[in-house]
Amino acid sequence: MTTGLYVGRFQPFHLGHLEAVRHILSKVDELVVVVGSAHDSHTI
């Protein structure tokens, strides 16, 4: 089983993010999406 990790602020979430999620999911069995702060940079 493979796990992907996608880290971002997603501010705002857009179709490019969705396409990235779909692409990653085509390569892995599960995907963990980590959402950082929308207000503070470098918080992850």
Protein backbone atom coordinates (compact mmCIF):
# COMPACT_ATOMS: atom_id res chain seq x y z
CA MET A 1 0.00 0.00 0.00
CA THR A 2 1.40 3.40 -0.98
CA THR A 3 0.52 6.70 0.65
CA GLY A 4 0.88 10.12 -0.93
CA LEU A 5 1.25 13.42 0.90
CA TYR A 6 0.02 16.74 -0.50
CA VAL A 7 0.82 19.83 1.58
CA GLY A 8 -0.47 23.30 0.83
CA ARG A 9 -2.42 26.33 1.94
CA PHE A 10 -5.05 25.92 -0.81
CA GLN A 11 -6.04 29.54 -0.47
CA PRO A 12 -8.31 29.31 -2.33
CA PHE A 13 -8.69 25.72 -3.50
CA HIS A 14 -8.93 25.75 -7.32
CA LEU A 15 -9.09 23.39 -10.28
CA GLY A 16 -5.29 23.11 -10.41
CA HIS A 17 -5.30 21.72 -6.88
CA LEU A 18 -8.07 19.29 -7.82
CA GLU A 19 -6.11 18.11 -10.85
CA ALA A 20 -3.04 17.58 -8.66
CA VAL A 21 -5.12 15.51 -6.21
CA ARG A 22 -6.48 13.39 -9.06
CA HIS A 23 -2.99 12.87 -10.49
CA ILE A 24 -1.54 11.86 -7.13
CA LEU A 25 -4.46 9.50 -6.50
CA SER A 26 -3.74 7.77 -9.81
CA LYS A 27 -0.27 6.91 -8.44
CA VAL A 28 -1.01 5.95 -4.81
CA ASP A 29 -3.50 3.93 -2.79
CA GLU A 30 -4.30 6.68 -0.31
CA LEU A 31 -3.63 10.40 -0.07
CA VAL A 32 -3.11 12.53 3.02
CA VAL A 33 -3.85 16.21 2.42
CA VAL A 34 -2.29 18.61 4.94
CA VAL A 35 -3.75 22.11 5.00
CA GLY A 36 -1.58 24.87 6.42
CA SER A 37 -2.67 28.20 7.82
CA ALA A 38 -4.45 30.50 5.38
CA HIS A 39 -3.14 33.52 7.31
CA ASP A 40 0.42 32.64 8.33
CA SER A 41 3.14 31.44 5.96
CA HIS A 42 5.68 28.76 6.87
CA THR A 43 3.43 27.20 9.51
CA ILE A 44 3.70 23.59 8.42
